[in-house]
Structures are given as C-alpha cells and as structure tokens.
Amino acid sequence: MAQQDEVFKKIVSHAKEYGFVFPSSEIYDGLSAVYDYGQNGVELKNNIKRYWWDSMTLLHENIVGIDSAIFMHPTIWKASGHVDAFNDPLIDNRDSKKRYRADVLIEEEIAKMDDKIEKEVAKARKRFGESFDEALFRQTNPRVAEHIAKREALHERFSQAMNDNNLEELRQIIIDQEIACPISGTRNWTEVRQFNLMFKTEMGSTADGAMTVYLRPETAQGIFVNYLNVQKTGRMRIPFGIAQIGKAFRNEIVARQFIFRMREFEQMEMQFFVRPGEELKWFQQWKEWRLRWHKALGLGDEKYRYHDHEKLAHYANAATDIEFQMPFGFKEVEGIHSRTNFDLSQHEKFSGKNIKYFDPELNESYVPYVIETSIGVDRMFLSVLCSSYDEQKLENGETRVVLHLPAALAPVKCAVMPLVRKDGLPEKAREIVNDLKFDFATHYDEKDSIGKRYRRQDAVGTPYCITVDHQTLEDNTVTLRERDSMEQCRVEISELHRLIHDKVSLNSLLRKLS
C-alpha cells in the first residue's frame, strides 16, 4: 500500500511538471479540491470527451446530443429530490476538528480487510507457485476464512445501515471498529448528521427580489426537462437517447485523491428512453456496451470490474458501477442506472405539464423509463493517466518515464525534430510540421540533444517522433520512432501521414466498438 501511495504521488507530480493538471489559484496558495487542466491535460481531456461523444452520437442513429444550462429553475431540484435528499453522512473528530464522511471511513476499513486477505493470498501464491489453487485456498485457509467472515459481517451491517439511513448505526460501527481519526489518532467522534451538497447562489438585481438558484449537482436533469423538446423536434421514436457533456458542482466535504473527487467536475451522461417493462433488458445491454467502450482503450481488461449496488437510489430498480483499479484501489469511474420513470413523472407532477410520450406502435401515451450511463470525465482522465504512467529501466542502465497513453487520446500525436539547428534541417522539419498539423497535433522540438527530446516526448505520451537529419535532404526519408517499443525505422516523408493516421485516429477505437 505504501508503494502504491508513492507511485500515486509521482503521478500527481508528473501531471503538474508536464502540463497536465495544476492546482487552481496556486499563486494564492490554491483552492481545496479544485484543479486546472494545463496545455497537455486539456488536449487529453478533450480527446476523451470526443471518444465518448462520437461513440454515442455517431455509432447510434437513435442518440443525439444537447447542451443544457448550468443554472436551472430551482423547482427542478425540488422535483428531483436534491433539495431534500442530496446529502452525505458527516462526522467530526473533536480533537482534530476535521470532518469526514462516515460511509467513507467505514468503506476504508473494509478496504483494509480486503488488503489483508489479498496479502495472505499473494504470500501463498508465491509459496506454491504454479500449483497454487486460489479458490481452494480462500475456502480452506483458517486465517483467510477469519478475515473474510469479519469482512462480510461488517459489510452486511454497513449496507443495512446505509439502506435504512440509520445515522446512529453508522456512528456505532465506527465506534465498534475502533476507527481512529487519521490526523489526531483519537476516536473522539461527534454524532453523524446529514449535509446537503448543493451550492446555492442568488439570481436577481435586488436582495429582496432575488431568487435562490443552485449550481447543478448533475447534468441529467437538463436532459429530462428537455426530452420532449428533443423528441418532437428530432422526430425521435422510442427507444432513443440524449447525450450531454457538462460541468457539475458538489460541495464535497471529503474531497481528496487528486482529481478523483472534486467540487467542480465534468460529466458525460446519456439518458436512454425506453418503453416501460423493457428497461432491464436495455440496462443489461448498456452495462455490457459501456464496459466494451472502456476496454477498447487497451488499458488492461483485468483493471475493470462491475460493482452491483446493494443500496439502490430511491428512483432506481437496477444499478451498477464500472470500477477501475487506481493506485488507491478499485474505484467507480462510471455508473449505469435504471432510473425507472421517476424523474419524468416528478417533473410532470411539479411543472403541471403533460410530458408523456405518444407511442404510435402501441397507440398509447406513457411516461418513458430511463437507462442512464454517467461517467466522470476527470475520473476517466485519472484512470488513463494512472494506467499509462511507467518507469522503465533501460539496457544502458538509465531510467525513462513514459506515458503509454492510448494513441488516439494522446495530447500530442507526433513531434518533429531536426537533428541539429543548422544546414537547412530546421527548415525541412518545419515543412513537415506544416504538412501534418492540419490532421494531427504536431510539435516542433529543436532544443537539447535528440535523446533528451525523446525523453521529453515520452513523458507527455507522444506516440511518434520524427527526426530530420542530413540524409533527409538527400532522399526525403526521416527516422520514425515509436514511443512504447522505442523502435526506429526509415520512412518516406510522403508515407508519414498514412503511417501515423493508422495508429492515432479515433476511428481505430470506434471501429472496435462497431
């Protein structure tokens, strides 16, 4: 665990050093849990969004996109339940004066139990080698069985408390498990209480006439209140979906783990409208399709898993998370939910407007059911960054830091480098840049030795480096270097566009899905 923490610290440091993510307002000592994306970070982030957007709107004829406003009528949040029920259970340590989410403290305790189990399994795997039967070991080893029994008992008690919204029981679990404050080391806890996560502000020219409005805590409601507008103007027939990418805001008390949990973040959401009674079939299909979307990036199939919800939101009849193995454990990057017809029914009730869909095939009107896929852009960004970061020992004894980013997502697709800054090489390199830049994010780099330039491009994840040397002036060939293998080959300048496009185009990812 300590080693993983060290790796994560290196990733955070690397993200700043190479222009991916900066602490917001840093010259004013920063703002907690708010970050800015730098010159490379914004390109990677935009490429992730483009991959998602195109996979939704290009590969599905019945999915279209919208962009709804951040400010919305406050009654929308009353109808959705956010005003009354969008809360986190918080607990304070009286000695450190620090505030924590009670559920997170307990989840971390369960994670520690999981670590103990995995350590026992890892030791046994090392001891027995190829003959090791992990399933049998988990069933028969007394120490592992004891850890699993304690873990399951705690998990069952915790799930029940969350389902019952039993704040007293959550506190009692913390007391019984002897969970201490990470800062003070004491167990001097307050009662658990609920805290609403929405940011409030006022809209209006005078204090007396101002209306209380909220920064939206999710983008989904903007889709729900527009679904009939889209359906009618687009002549959409059920089943159909509406996709949206946008900012959301939550006053997270326990905001941590870099950009994993922030107060200002970005979501990619798609709401898929279906006939009542068909929602669970579509839920299963979207659950499978979304996992394929993640795995197509090639970050490692073993790094993903489903986590089916035991505690369902009041509006859902099925829910699962796609979790990714971060340096700090498996964490949610996407949620797929069957939201029933709760949201649309609530907006029909609170607005007083008829927003039923008329189904010409059934010759009847009904409130559609909804399947939601919701993915955090920032969490997706972090999963890509963490899985791509690598420190490699080379044959010559040197170490290189490289980001094995999926080529289609890389912020820079190729870098063009004159071997020396004379003899007409920079001019020839500029010609190549000017030819490629219309199709690829292309960098020109002439500073330092060629080796240092390669390392610099490796560190930002550039898939290809093109070196222009004196032979180039004779036969119009260049050296093309591939990032991951570091292999170099001589190619015609006229072939560069085709060779690079085949590897870095988003089409290569989208075709895997279609």
Protein backbone atom coordinates (compact mmCIF):
# COMPACT_ATOMS: atom_id res chain seq x y z
CA MET A 1 0.00 0.00 0.00
CA ALA A 2 2.86 2.37 0.84
CA GLN A 3 4.45 1.60 -2.51
CA GLN A 4 1.19 2.40 -4.32
CA ASP A 5 0.96 5.69 -2.42
CA GLU A 6 4.46 6.58 -3.61
CA VAL A 7 3.53 5.79 -7.21
CA PHE A 8 0.41 7.94 -6.93
CA LYS A 9 2.46 10.85 -5.57
CA LYS A 10 4.78 10.52 -8.57
CA ILE A 11 1.81 10.58 -10.94
CA VAL A 12 0.43 13.74 -9.31
CA SER A 13 3.86 15.38 -9.53
CA HIS A 14 4.27 14.28 -13.14
CA ALA A 15 0.86 15.72 -14.04
CA LYS A 16 1.97 19.16 -12.88
CA GLU A 17 5.53 19.04 -14.22
CA TYR A 18 4.41 18.16 -17.75
CA GLY A 19 1.42 20.46 -18.07
CA PHE A 20 -1.47 18.08 -17.44
CA VAL A 21 -3.04 19.30 -14.18
CA PHE A 22 -2.27 22.34 -11.99
CA PRO A 23 -3.65 23.24 -8.55
CA SER A 24 -6.20 26.00 -9.14
CA SER A 25 -5.26 29.52 -7.99
CA GLU A 26 -1.84 28.22 -6.97
CA ILE A 27 -0.19 31.66 -6.70
CA TYR A 28 -2.79 32.40 -4.00
CA ASP A 29 -2.00 29.12 -2.18
CA GLY A 30 -4.65 27.22 -4.11
CA LEU A 31 -8.28 26.29 -3.56
CA SER A 32 -9.01 22.93 -1.99
CA ALA A 33 -10.28 20.21 -4.35
CA VAL A 34 -10.28 22.48 -7.41
CA TYR A 35 -7.85 21.95 -10.30
CA ASP A 36 -6.95 23.48 -13.65
CA TYR A 37 -6.04 21.46 -16.73
CA GLY A 38 -2.81 22.54 -18.41
CA GLN A 39 -1.84 22.56 -22.07
CA ASN A 40 -1.41 18.79 -22.33
CA GLY A 41 -4.19 17.99 -19.87
CA VAL A 42 -6.85 19.88 -21.78
CA GLU A 43 -5.94 18.06 -25.01
CA LEU A 44 -6.10 14.66 -23.32
CA LYS A 45 -9.38 15.61 -21.68
CA ASN A 46 -10.87 16.85 -24.97
CA ASN A 47 -9.81 13.63 -26.70
CA ILE A 48 -11.53 11.55 -24.01
CA LYS A 49 -14.70 13.61 -24.46
CA ARG A 50 -14.53 13.28 -28.25
CA TYR A 51 -14.14 9.50 -27.97
CA TRP A 52 -17.22 9.32 -25.75
CA TRP A 53 -19.28 11.78 -27.80
CA ASP A 54 -18.55 10.13 -31.14
CA SER A 55 -19.17 6.64 -29.72
CA MET A 56 -22.62 7.81 -28.62
CA THR A 57 -23.76 10.07 -31.45
CA LEU A 58 -22.00 8.53 -34.47
CA LEU A 59 -22.36 4.84 -33.66
CA HIS A 60 -26.01 5.07 -32.59
CA GLU A 61 -28.56 6.51 -35.01
CA ASN A 62 -31.04 7.00 -32.17
CA ILE A 63 -28.81 9.06 -29.87
CA VAL A 64 -28.42 12.84 -30.20
CA GLY A 65 -26.77 15.47 -28.03
CA ILE A 66 -27.73 18.66 -26.22
CA ASP A 67 -26.03 21.27 -24.04
CA SER A 68 -28.30 22.48 -21.22
CA ALA A 69 -27.67 25.44 -18.92
CA ILE A 70 -25.89 25.18 -15.58
CA PHE A 71 -28.48 27.45 -13.93
CA MET A 72 -31.94 25.88 -13.88
CA HIS A 73 -35.27 26.71 -12.27
CA PRO A 74 -34.95 25.83 -8.54
CA THR A 75 -38.15 23.75 -8.58
CA ILE A 76 -36.34 21.26 -10.82
CA TRP A 77 -34.13 20.34 -7.86
CA LYS A 78 -37.16 20.04 -5.60
CA ALA A 79 -38.79 17.67 -8.08
CA SER A 80 -35.63 15.59 -8.50
CA GLY A 81 -35.22 15.18 -4.73
CA HIS A 82 -31.91 17.01 -4.50
CA VAL A 83 -33.20 19.73 -2.17
CA ASP A 84 -34.44 17.23 0.40
CA ALA A 85 -32.26 14.17 -0.08
CA PHE A 86 -28.93 15.03 -1.72
CA ASN A 87 -26.91 14.54 1.45
CA ASP A 88 -23.74 12.92 2.77
CA PRO A 89 -23.47 11.46 6.31
CA LEU A 90 -20.75 13.52 8.06
CA ILE A 91 -18.92 13.00 11.35
CA ASP A 92 -16.38 15.24 13.13
CA ASN A 93 -13.40 14.33 15.25
CA ARG A 94 -13.50 16.62 18.31
CA ASP A 95 -9.72 16.61 18.76
CA SER A 96 -8.51 17.30 15.22
CA LYS A 97 -11.59 19.41 14.31
CA LYS A 98 -11.59 17.52 10.99
CA ARG A 99 -14.78 16.42 9.24
CA TYR A 100 -15.21 13.08 7.46
CA ARG A 101 -17.85 11.17 5.56
CA ALA A 102 -18.95 8.38 7.88
CA ASP A 103 -19.59 5.99 5.00
CA VAL A 104 -16.10 6.61 3.56
CA LEU A 105 -14.45 5.84 6.92
CA ILE A 106 -16.24 2.51 7.02
CA GLU A 107 -15.53 1.74 3.35
CA GLU A 108 -11.82 2.36 4.01
CA GLU A 109 -11.98 -0.07 6.94
CA ILE A 110 -13.49 -2.70 4.63
CA ALA A 111 -10.73 -1.96 2.09
CA LYS A 112 -8.11 -2.63 4.79
CA MET A 113 -9.71 -6.03 5.41
CA ASP A 114 -9.58 -6.73 1.66
CA ASP A 115 -5.87 -5.83 1.68
CA LYS A 116 -5.21 -8.33 4.49
CA ILE A 117 -6.95 -11.06 2.51
CA GLU A 118 -5.03 -10.23 -0.68
CA LYS A 119 -1.70 -10.22 1.17
CA GLU A 120 -2.37 -13.71 2.51
CA VAL A 121 -3.30 -14.89 -0.99
CA ALA A 122 -0.22 -13.24 -2.52
CA LYS A 123 2.09 -14.92 0.01
CA ALA A 124 0.54 -18.30 -0.69
CA ARG A 125 0.76 -17.78 -4.46
CA LYS A 126 4.46 -17.03 -4.12
CA ARG A 127 4.99 -20.06 -1.88
CA PHE A 128 3.14 -22.65 -4.01
CA GLY A 129 3.87 -21.28 -7.48
CA GLU A 130 2.05 -22.77 -10.48
CA SER A 131 0.32 -25.42 -8.35
CA PHE A 132 -1.50 -22.76 -6.32
CA ASP A 133 -5.30 -23.13 -6.25
CA GLU A 134 -6.52 -19.70 -5.16
CA ALA A 135 -10.20 -20.60 -4.86
CA LEU A 136 -9.43 -23.59 -2.64
CA PHE A 137 -7.01 -21.55 -0.53
CA ARG A 138 -9.63 -18.86 0.10
CA GLN A 139 -12.09 -21.53 1.24
CA THR A 140 -9.81 -23.58 3.47
CA ASN A 141 -7.14 -21.34 4.98
CA PRO A 142 -8.22 -20.54 8.58
CA ARG A 143 -6.66 -17.05 8.67
CA VAL A 144 -8.19 -16.03 5.34
CA ALA A 145 -11.55 -17.52 6.36
CA GLU A 146 -11.48 -15.46 9.56
CA HIS A 147 -10.69 -12.24 7.65
CA ILE A 148 -13.44 -12.95 5.11
CA ALA A 149 -16.01 -13.66 7.84
CA LYS A 150 -15.22 -10.38 9.62
CA ARG A 151 -15.28 -8.50 6.36
CA GLU A 152 -18.65 -9.92 5.30
CA ALA A 153 -20.20 -9.25 8.70
CA LEU A 154 -19.05 -5.62 8.63
CA HIS A 155 -20.18 -5.18 5.03
CA GLU A 156 -23.64 -6.56 5.78
CA ARG A 157 -24.03 -4.32 8.83
CA PHE A 158 -22.82 -1.27 6.88
CA SER A 159 -25.14 -1.97 3.93
CA GLN A 160 -28.13 -2.29 6.23
CA ALA A 161 -27.33 0.99 7.97
CA MET A 162 -27.00 2.78 4.62
CA ASN A 163 -30.22 1.27 3.30
CA ASP A 164 -32.08 2.31 6.46
CA ASN A 165 -30.37 5.74 6.51
CA ASN A 166 -29.54 4.89 10.13
CA LEU A 167 -27.06 7.57 11.22
CA GLU A 168 -26.80 6.25 14.78
CA GLU A 169 -25.81 2.81 13.49
CA LEU A 170 -23.16 4.32 11.20
CA ARG A 171 -21.58 6.03 14.21
CA GLN A 172 -21.81 2.83 16.26
CA ILE A 173 -20.00 0.89 13.52
CA ILE A 174 -17.19 3.46 13.62
CA ILE A 175 -17.00 3.09 17.42
CA ASP A 176 -17.16 -0.73 17.36
CA GLN A 177 -14.48 -1.00 14.66
CA GLU A 178 -12.28 1.38 16.65
CA ILE A 179 -11.77 3.61 13.62
CA ALA A 180 -9.47 6.49 14.55
CA CYS A 181 -9.08 9.94 13.03
CA PRO A 182 -6.09 9.87 10.62
CA ILE A 183 -4.97 13.27 11.94
CA SER A 184 -5.36 13.08 15.73
CA GLY A 185 -5.30 9.30 16.10
CA THR A 186 -8.21 9.52 18.56
CA ARG A 187 -11.73 8.08 18.47
CA ASN A 188 -13.46 11.12 19.95
CA TRP A 189 -16.30 11.31 17.42
CA THR A 190 -19.40 13.50 17.23
CA GLU A 191 -22.80 12.28 16.11
CA VAL A 192 -23.36 11.64 12.41
CA ARG A 193 -25.53 14.18 10.58
CA GLN A 194 -26.59 14.86 7.02
CA PHE A 195 -25.09 17.66 4.91
CA ASN A 196 -26.59 18.88 1.62
CA LEU A 197 -24.04 19.01 -1.21
CA MET A 198 -25.58 21.65 -3.48
CA PHE A 199 -24.03 25.09 -3.95
CA LYS A 200 -26.53 27.94 -3.57
CA THR A 201 -26.45 31.38 -5.12
CA GLU A 202 -28.92 34.16 -5.92
CA MET A 203 -30.29 35.41 -9.20
CA GLY A 204 -31.84 38.86 -9.44
CA SER A 205 -30.97 42.56 -9.32
CA THR A 206 -32.11 43.28 -5.76
CA ALA A 207 -31.73 41.42 -2.50
CA ASP A 208 -35.48 41.41 -1.85
CA GLY A 209 -36.35 40.19 -5.33
CA ALA A 210 -33.56 37.65 -5.69
CA MET A 211 -34.36 34.03 -6.42
CA THR A 212 -32.34 31.25 -4.80
CA VAL A 213 -30.81 29.07 -7.51
CA TYR A 214 -28.34 26.20 -7.43
CA LEU A 215 -25.26 25.22 -9.36
CA ARG A 216 -26.39 21.94 -10.86
CA PRO A 217 -25.07 18.88 -8.97
CA GLU A 218 -25.60 16.68 -12.06
CA THR A 219 -26.28 17.18 -15.76
CA ALA A 220 -29.06 14.60 -16.05
CA GLN A 221 -31.94 16.90 -15.08
CA GLY A 222 -31.17 19.21 -18.01
CA ILE A 223 -31.81 16.22 -20.28
CA PHE A 224 -35.04 15.22 -18.55
CA VAL A 225 -36.68 18.64 -18.78
CA ASN A 226 -35.73 18.82 -22.49
CA TYR A 227 -36.51 15.27 -23.52
CA LEU A 228 -39.87 16.14 -25.12
CA ASN A 229 -38.36 19.12 -26.97
CA VAL A 230 -35.71 16.83 -28.46
CA GLN A 231 -38.19 14.06 -29.20
CA LYS A 232 -40.57 16.34 -31.10
CA THR A 233 -38.03 18.47 -32.98
CA GLY A 234 -35.91 15.44 -33.85
CA ARG A 235 -38.93 13.21 -34.59
CA MET A 236 -37.35 10.61 -32.32
CA ARG A 237 -39.03 7.28 -31.66
CA ILE A 238 -38.54 5.23 -28.51
CA PRO A 239 -36.05 3.84 -27.79
CA PHE A 240 -33.81 6.90 -28.16
CA GLY A 241 -31.09 8.60 -26.16
CA ILE A 242 -29.87 12.10 -25.35
CA ALA A 243 -26.19 12.69 -24.59
CA GLN A 244 -24.60 15.63 -22.81
CA ILE A 245 -21.18 16.70 -21.57
CA GLY A 246 -21.05 19.45 -18.95
CA LYS A 247 -19.86 20.82 -15.64
CA ALA A 248 -21.47 19.88 -12.33
CA PHE A 249 -20.79 21.13 -8.81
CA ARG A 250 -20.92 19.47 -5.40
CA ASN A 251 -19.79 20.89 -2.07
CA GLU A 252 -17.80 17.76 -1.23
CA ILE A 253 -16.52 17.77 2.34
CA VAL A 254 -14.21 14.82 1.82
CA ALA A 255 -12.65 15.87 -1.49
CA ARG A 256 -9.35 14.07 -2.00
CA GLN A 257 -7.23 11.72 -4.10
CA PHE A 258 -6.24 14.44 -6.53
CA ILE A 259 -8.87 14.89 -9.27
CA PHE A 260 -10.84 11.77 -8.28
CA ARG A 261 -13.26 13.73 -6.09
CA MET A 262 -13.60 17.46 -6.73
CA ARG A 263 -16.07 20.24 -6.09
CA GLU A 264 -16.18 21.31 -9.75
CA PHE A 265 -16.10 18.43 -12.20
CA GLU A 266 -17.32 17.35 -15.61
CA GLN A 267 -19.74 14.61 -16.54
CA MET A 268 -20.55 12.69 -19.71
CA GLU A 269 -24.10 11.41 -19.39
CA MET A 270 -26.54 9.69 -21.69
CA GLN A 271 -30.18 9.13 -20.82
CA PHE A 272 -31.83 6.38 -22.87
CA PHE A 273 -35.64 6.46 -23.02
CA VAL A 274 -37.41 3.10 -23.31
CA ARG A 275 -40.84 1.52 -23.01
CA PRO A 276 -41.98 0.54 -19.50
CA GLY A 277 -41.22 -3.13 -18.93
CA GLU A 278 -38.22 -3.15 -21.28
CA GLU A 279 -35.87 -1.21 -19.01
CA LEU A 280 -33.99 -4.17 -17.52
CA LYS A 281 -33.23 -5.60 -20.97
CA TRP A 282 -31.76 -2.24 -22.02
CA PHE A 283 -29.96 -1.89 -18.69
CA GLN A 284 -28.11 -5.14 -19.36
CA GLN A 285 -27.24 -4.10 -22.92
CA TRP A 286 -25.85 -0.73 -21.88
CA LYS A 287 -23.98 -2.28 -18.98
CA GLU A 288 -22.15 -4.58 -21.41
CA TRP A 289 -21.61 -1.93 -24.10
CA ARG A 290 -20.14 0.60 -21.70
CA LEU A 291 -17.58 -1.91 -20.41
CA ARG A 292 -16.58 -2.65 -24.02
CA TRP A 293 -16.05 1.09 -24.53
CA HIS A 294 -13.59 1.19 -21.64
CA LYS A 295 -11.76 -2.00 -22.60
CA ALA A 296 -11.29 -0.82 -26.20
CA LEU A 297 -8.68 1.63 -24.88
CA GLY A 298 -6.36 -1.26 -24.10
CA LEU A 299 -5.52 -0.22 -20.55
CA GLY A 300 -5.88 -3.82 -19.34
CA ASP A 301 -9.12 -5.80 -19.13
CA GLU A 302 -8.18 -7.06 -15.65
CA LYS A 303 -8.29 -3.50 -14.32
CA TYR A 304 -12.08 -3.28 -14.71
CA ARG A 305 -14.87 -4.86 -12.74
CA TYR A 306 -18.59 -4.40 -12.13
CA HIS A 307 -19.90 -3.43 -8.72
CA ASP A 308 -23.66 -4.03 -8.46
CA HIS A 309 -25.39 -1.74 -5.99
CA GLU A 310 -26.91 -3.29 -2.90
CA LYS A 311 -28.40 0.02 -1.82
CA LEU A 312 -30.43 1.40 -4.71
CA ALA A 313 -31.33 5.06 -5.02
CA HIS A 314 -35.00 5.72 -4.39
CA TYR A 315 -35.61 6.20 -8.12
CA ALA A 316 -33.79 3.07 -9.40
CA ASN A 317 -34.65 -0.59 -9.89
CA ALA A 318 -31.14 -1.62 -11.01
CA ALA A 319 -27.71 -0.03 -10.76
CA THR A 320 -24.10 -1.00 -11.30
CA ASP A 321 -20.73 0.75 -11.32
CA ILE A 322 -17.81 0.13 -13.62
CA GLU A 323 -14.79 0.28 -11.33
CA PHE A 324 -11.18 0.78 -12.39
CA GLN A 325 -8.09 -0.25 -10.47
CA MET A 326 -6.48 3.02 -9.38
CA PRO A 327 -3.26 3.09 -7.31
CA PHE A 328 -5.54 3.53 -4.29
CA GLY A 329 -7.82 0.59 -5.10
CA PHE A 330 -10.80 -0.20 -7.33
CA LYS A 331 -12.90 2.95 -7.69
CA GLU A 332 -16.01 3.93 -9.63
CA VAL A 333 -15.47 5.66 -12.97
CA GLU A 334 -18.93 5.12 -14.45
CA GLY A 335 -22.42 4.32 -13.27
CA ILE A 336 -25.21 2.61 -15.23
CA HIS A 337 -28.65 3.02 -13.66
CA SER A 338 -32.20 2.01 -14.47
CA ARG A 339 -33.96 5.14 -13.18
CA THR A 340 -37.50 3.86 -13.93
CA ASN A 341 -39.86 6.76 -14.79
CA PHE A 342 -39.20 8.63 -11.55
CA ASP A 343 -37.57 11.76 -12.95
CA LEU A 344 -40.02 12.40 -15.77
CA SER A 345 -43.01 11.66 -13.52
CA GLN A 346 -41.71 14.10 -10.92
CA HIS A 347 -41.21 16.87 -13.46
CA GLU A 348 -44.68 16.24 -14.86
CA LYS A 349 -46.09 16.50 -11.34
CA PHE A 350 -44.19 19.62 -10.26
CA SER A 351 -44.49 21.51 -13.55
CA GLY A 352 -48.11 20.64 -14.19
CA LYS A 353 -47.24 19.96 -17.86
CA ASN A 354 -48.03 16.80 -19.78
CA ILE A 355 -44.69 15.31 -20.86
CA LYS A 356 -45.91 11.85 -21.80
CA TYR A 357 -44.65 10.22 -24.99
CA PHE A 358 -47.18 9.01 -27.56
CA ASP A 359 -46.12 5.65 -28.92
CA PRO A 360 -47.56 5.23 -32.44
CA GLU A 361 -46.86 1.50 -32.49
CA LEU A 362 -48.80 0.87 -29.29
CA ASN A 363 -51.23 3.74 -29.91
CA GLU A 364 -50.92 4.89 -26.32
CA SER A 365 -49.20 7.54 -24.23
CA TYR A 366 -46.90 6.82 -21.31
CA VAL A 367 -44.05 8.25 -19.26
CA PRO A 368 -40.90 6.55 -20.59
CA TYR A 369 -38.49 4.64 -18.39
CA VAL A 370 -34.84 5.72 -18.46
CA ILE A 371 -31.48 3.96 -18.55
CA GLU A 372 -28.64 6.26 -17.55
CA THR A 373 -24.94 5.95 -18.29
CA SER A 374 -22.93 8.53 -16.36
CA ILE A 375 -19.14 8.84 -16.45
CA GLY A 376 -16.91 11.36 -14.73
CA VAL A 377 -14.53 12.96 -17.24
CA ASP A 378 -12.00 13.75 -14.52
CA ARG A 379 -12.09 10.21 -13.11
CA MET A 380 -11.72 8.83 -16.61
CA PHE A 381 -8.76 11.17 -17.14
CA LEU A 382 -7.18 9.93 -13.91
CA SER A 383 -7.67 6.26 -14.82
CA VAL A 384 -5.98 6.81 -18.19
CA LEU A 385 -3.13 8.75 -16.59
CA CYS A 386 -2.54 6.20 -13.80
CA SER A 387 -2.60 3.16 -16.06
CA SER A 388 -0.29 4.82 -18.60
CA TYR A 389 2.42 6.01 -16.20
CA ASP A 390 5.52 3.80 -16.31
CA GLU A 391 9.11 3.98 -15.07
CA GLN A 392 11.31 1.77 -17.24
CA LYS A 393 14.85 0.57 -16.67
CA LEU A 394 16.71 0.61 -19.99
CA GLU A 395 19.53 -1.67 -21.09
CA ASN A 396 22.08 1.10 -20.67
CA GLY A 397 21.11 1.49 -17.01
CA GLU A 398 19.13 4.69 -17.50
CA THR A 399 15.52 5.14 -16.42
CA ARG A 400 12.86 6.69 -18.60
CA VAL A 401 9.42 7.87 -17.52
CA VAL A 402 6.87 7.23 -20.23
CA LEU A 403 3.12 7.64 -20.55
CA HIS A 404 1.73 4.72 -22.58
CA LEU A 405 -1.37 6.73 -23.44
CA PRO A 406 -3.78 5.23 -25.97
CA ALA A 407 -2.51 6.84 -29.17
CA ALA A 408 -5.92 8.23 -30.11
CA LEU A 409 -6.14 10.06 -26.78
CA ALA A 410 -2.56 11.39 -26.63
CA PRO A 411 -2.39 15.21 -26.43
CA VAL A 412 0.46 15.33 -28.98
CA LYS A 413 0.39 12.80 -31.81
CA CYS A 414 3.85 13.41 -33.23
CA ALA A 415 6.92 15.56 -32.66
CA VAL A 416 9.22 16.67 -35.47
CA MET A 417 12.88 17.22 -34.58
CA PRO A 418 15.82 18.47 -36.66
CA LEU A 419 18.94 16.58 -35.65
CA VAL A 420 20.87 19.88 -35.48
CA ARG A 421 19.85 23.52 -35.73
CA LYS A 422 21.73 24.24 -38.95
CA ASP A 423 22.39 23.05 -42.51
CA GLY A 424 18.76 23.53 -43.55
CA LEU A 425 17.42 20.81 -41.19
CA PRO A 426 15.13 23.14 -39.18
CA GLU A 427 13.60 24.45 -42.38
CA LYS A 428 12.90 20.93 -43.65
CA ALA A 429 11.44 19.95 -40.27
CA ARG A 430 9.15 22.99 -40.41
CA GLU A 431 7.87 21.87 -43.81
CA ILE A 432 6.88 18.51 -42.33
CA VAL A 433 5.16 20.19 -39.35
CA ASN A 434 3.20 22.47 -41.66
CA ASP A 435 2.03 19.45 -43.67
CA LEU A 436 0.97 17.30 -40.69
CA LYS A 437 -0.52 19.92 -38.38
CA PHE A 438 -3.84 20.07 -40.23
CA ASP A 439 -4.60 16.47 -39.24
CA PHE A 440 -2.56 15.81 -36.10
CA ALA A 441 -1.48 17.72 -33.01
CA THR A 442 2.16 18.15 -34.06
CA HIS A 443 5.04 19.65 -32.06
CA TYR A 444 8.30 21.07 -33.32
CA ASP A 445 11.24 20.49 -30.94
CA GLU A 446 14.85 21.55 -31.54
CA LYS A 447 16.20 22.18 -28.02
CA ASP A 448 18.70 19.81 -26.30
CA SER A 449 20.17 16.56 -27.54
CA ILE A 450 17.99 14.18 -29.53
CA GLY A 451 17.98 11.76 -26.59
CA LYS A 452 16.65 14.37 -24.19
CA ARG A 453 13.99 15.35 -26.70
CA TYR A 454 12.86 11.73 -26.99
CA ARG A 455 12.58 11.52 -23.20
CA ARG A 456 10.58 14.73 -23.07
CA GLN A 457 8.10 13.42 -25.61
CA ASP A 458 7.90 10.05 -23.82
CA ALA A 459 6.93 11.88 -20.64
CA VAL A 460 3.90 13.52 -22.29
CA GLY A 461 2.91 10.34 -24.12
CA THR A 462 3.67 11.37 -27.73
CA PRO A 463 3.24 8.20 -29.85
CA TYR A 464 5.70 9.16 -32.61
CA CYS A 465 8.87 11.20 -33.02
CA ILE A 466 10.16 12.18 -36.47
CA THR A 467 13.85 13.01 -36.77
CA VAL A 468 15.10 15.06 -39.71
CA ASP A 469 18.82 14.54 -40.47
CA HIS A 470 21.25 15.19 -43.33
CA GLN A 471 20.10 12.07 -45.18
CA THR A 472 16.62 13.60 -45.31
CA LEU A 473 17.91 16.34 -47.60
CA GLU A 474 19.27 13.69 -49.95
CA ASP A 475 16.40 11.17 -50.23
CA ASN A 476 13.34 12.66 -48.44
CA THR A 477 13.35 9.99 -45.73
CA VAL A 478 13.18 10.52 -41.97
CA THR A 479 13.59 8.40 -38.85
CA LEU A 480 10.24 7.46 -37.32
CA ARG A 481 10.49 6.42 -33.65
CA GLU A 482 7.65 4.63 -31.86
CA ARG A 483 7.11 5.55 -28.20
CA ASP A 484 6.42 2.23 -26.49
CA SER A 485 8.94 -0.02 -28.23
CA MET A 486 11.45 2.81 -28.98
CA GLU A 487 11.96 1.11 -32.34
CA GLN A 488 13.16 3.33 -35.18
CA CYS A 489 12.72 2.89 -38.90
CA ARG A 490 13.45 4.88 -42.01
CA VAL A 491 10.35 6.02 -43.91
CA GLU A 492 9.48 8.28 -46.83
CA ILE A 493 8.13 11.70 -45.84
CA SER A 494 5.21 11.05 -48.17
CA GLU A 495 4.27 7.98 -46.06
CA LEU A 496 4.20 9.78 -42.69
CA HIS A 497 0.56 10.84 -42.84
CA ARG A 498 -0.70 7.32 -43.59
CA LEU A 499 1.50 5.60 -41.01
CA ILE A 500 0.59 7.98 -38.21
CA HIS A 501 -3.11 8.17 -39.07
CA ASP A 502 -3.49 4.38 -38.91
CA LYS A 503 -2.38 4.42 -35.26
CA VAL A 504 -3.65 7.68 -33.78
CA SER A 505 -7.06 8.19 -35.37
CA LEU A 506 -10.18 7.92 -33.21
CA ASN A 507 -11.60 5.78 -36.00
CA SER A 508 -9.40 2.92 -34.84
CA LEU A 509 -11.13 2.97 -31.45
CA LEU A 510 -14.64 3.47 -32.80
CA ARG A 511 -14.29 0.57 -35.24
CA LYS A 512 -13.54 -1.75 -32.31
CA LEU A 513 -16.95 -0.87 -30.92
CA SER A 514 -18.96 -1.04 -34.13
